[in-house]
Amino acid sequence: MPRRQFPLLHLVPTELRDIVLDFVWNADRLRELDLPTTTVPVSELDWHLNLPFWAVDDVPFQVTPRQIATEPHRFSAQYERMLAADLQFPLDVVVRTDQIAVRALPWDRLDDIAG
């Protein structure tokens, strides 16, 4: 399946350029993949909490998960979304180098989740 470009790519801040995928991907297709699951210390993923993944007032990439957790009343919509996360699924990460992964999606299988 051909990849469709991520429509907000032009808005992705510098600190997310090597992290956010540049195409639209499908969460259901990702969950269907038979990928190994492993555990890693939370401390190895802690740096993600300082990245501005979340939107505020429909403006993308404005707030970090750590800001939301620290100020839940200020970011109530985002906080409610965090609380509603379905923890039955493992975290999914793409291994591009030697990074630790909870569930590793090989780079050559990205087309498997293209939406």
Protein backbone atom coordinates (compact mmCIF):
# COMPACT_ATOMS: atom_id res chain seq x y z
CA MET A 1 0.00 0.00 0.00
CA PRO A 2 1.42 3.42 -0.86
CA ARG A 3 2.18 5.74 2.03
CA ARG A 4 0.20 8.94 2.45
CA GLN A 5 2.19 11.85 3.86
CA PHE A 6 1.44 12.87 7.44
CA PRO A 7 -0.72 15.99 6.92
CA LEU A 8 0.86 17.91 9.82
CA LEU A 9 4.43 17.20 8.75
CA HIS A 10 5.08 20.88 8.01
CA LEU A 11 4.14 21.71 11.62
CA VAL A 12 6.33 19.12 13.33
CA PRO A 13 8.82 20.91 15.61
CA THR A 14 12.52 20.21 15.35
CA GLU A 15 12.63 18.07 18.48
CA LEU A 16 10.06 15.66 16.97
CA ARG A 17 11.42 15.42 13.42
CA ASP A 18 13.36 12.20 14.07
CA ILE A 19 10.53 10.72 16.13
CA VAL A 20 7.22 11.37 14.37
CA LEU A 21 6.66 9.18 11.32
CA ASP A 22 6.30 11.12 8.08
CA PHE A 23 3.29 9.14 6.88
CA VAL A 24 -0.24 8.30 8.03
CA TRP A 25 -0.26 4.99 9.87
CA ASN A 26 -3.07 2.74 11.05
CA ALA A 27 -3.20 1.75 14.74
CA ASP A 28 -5.37 -1.32 14.06
CA ARG A 29 -2.89 -2.59 11.46
CA LEU A 30 -0.03 -2.02 13.88
CA ARG A 31 -1.79 -4.01 16.62
CA GLU A 32 -2.42 -6.87 14.17
CA LEU A 33 1.30 -7.33 13.52
CA ASP A 34 2.95 -10.26 15.26
CA LEU A 35 5.83 -8.44 16.91
CA PRO A 36 7.81 -9.53 19.97
CA THR A 37 6.99 -7.81 23.24
CA THR A 38 9.62 -7.12 25.87
CA THR A 39 9.94 -4.97 28.94
CA VAL A 40 12.20 -2.00 29.50
CA PRO A 41 12.68 0.20 32.54
CA VAL A 42 10.33 3.18 32.46
CA SER A 43 13.37 5.39 32.98
CA GLU A 44 14.56 4.50 29.47
CA LEU A 45 11.38 5.99 27.99
CA ASP A 46 11.14 8.96 30.34
CA TRP A 47 12.58 11.38 27.77
CA HIS A 48 9.38 10.99 25.71
CA LEU A 49 7.49 12.81 28.45
CA ASN A 50 9.35 16.02 27.60
CA LEU A 51 8.36 16.11 23.93
CA PRO A 52 5.45 18.27 22.68
CA PHE A 53 3.26 15.54 21.19
CA TRP A 54 -0.07 17.06 22.25
CA ALA A 55 -2.27 19.82 20.83
CA VAL A 56 -3.78 22.72 22.75
CA ASP A 57 -6.78 24.61 21.36
CA ASP A 58 -6.47 22.63 18.11
CA VAL A 59 -2.86 23.75 17.62
CA PRO A 60 -0.68 20.63 17.35
CA PHE A 61 2.63 20.02 19.12
CA GLN A 62 2.09 22.50 21.95
CA VAL A 63 2.34 20.56 25.21
CA THR A 64 4.32 17.66 26.63
CA PRO A 65 2.91 14.68 28.56
CA ARG A 66 4.91 15.86 31.59
CA GLN A 67 3.22 19.28 31.45
CA ILE A 68 -0.18 17.59 31.26
CA ALA A 69 0.59 15.37 34.25
CA THR A 70 1.94 18.33 36.22
CA GLU A 71 -0.96 20.67 35.39
CA PRO A 72 -4.03 18.45 34.81
CA HIS A 73 -6.51 21.27 35.48
CA ARG A 74 -4.87 23.50 32.87
CA PHE A 75 -4.85 20.72 30.27
CA SER A 76 -8.02 18.90 31.32
CA ALA A 77 -8.98 17.57 27.87
CA GLN A 78 -5.54 16.11 27.33
CA TYR A 79 -5.45 14.76 30.89
CA GLU A 80 -8.79 12.98 30.38
CA ARG A 81 -7.45 11.49 27.16
CA MET A 82 -4.36 10.22 29.01
CA LEU A 83 -6.52 8.63 31.69
CA ALA A 84 -8.61 6.92 29.00
CA ALA A 85 -5.57 5.22 27.42
CA ASP A 86 -6.11 1.51 26.86
CA LEU A 87 -3.27 -0.10 28.78
CA GLN A 88 -4.03 -3.58 27.45
CA PHE A 89 -1.76 -2.72 24.51
CA PRO A 90 2.01 -2.40 24.87
CA LEU A 91 3.78 0.76 23.83
CA ASP A 92 4.90 0.61 20.22
CA VAL A 93 8.16 2.11 19.02
CA VAL A 94 10.06 1.99 15.77
CA VAL A 95 13.66 0.83 16.02
CA ARG A 96 15.77 3.06 13.79
CA THR A 97 19.11 2.50 15.50
CA ASP A 98 20.04 0.73 18.73
CA GLN A 99 17.18 2.22 20.73
CA ILE A 100 15.43 0.06 23.30
CA ALA A 101 11.95 -1.00 22.19
CA VAL A 102 8.90 -2.28 24.02
CA ARG A 103 7.52 -3.69 20.77
CA ALA A 104 9.72 -3.21 17.74
CA LEU A 105 8.33 -2.44 14.30
CA PRO A 106 11.12 -2.99 11.76
CA TRP A 107 11.66 -0.09 9.39
CA ASP A 108 11.03 -2.32 6.36
CA ARG A 109 7.52 -3.17 7.66
CA LEU A 110 6.22 0.41 7.89
CA ASP A 111 4.10 -0.20 4.79
CA ASP A 112 2.23 -2.85 6.82
CA ILE A 113 0.64 -0.10 8.93
CA ALA A 114 0.17 2.59 6.28
CA GLY A 115 -3.40 3.90 6.38
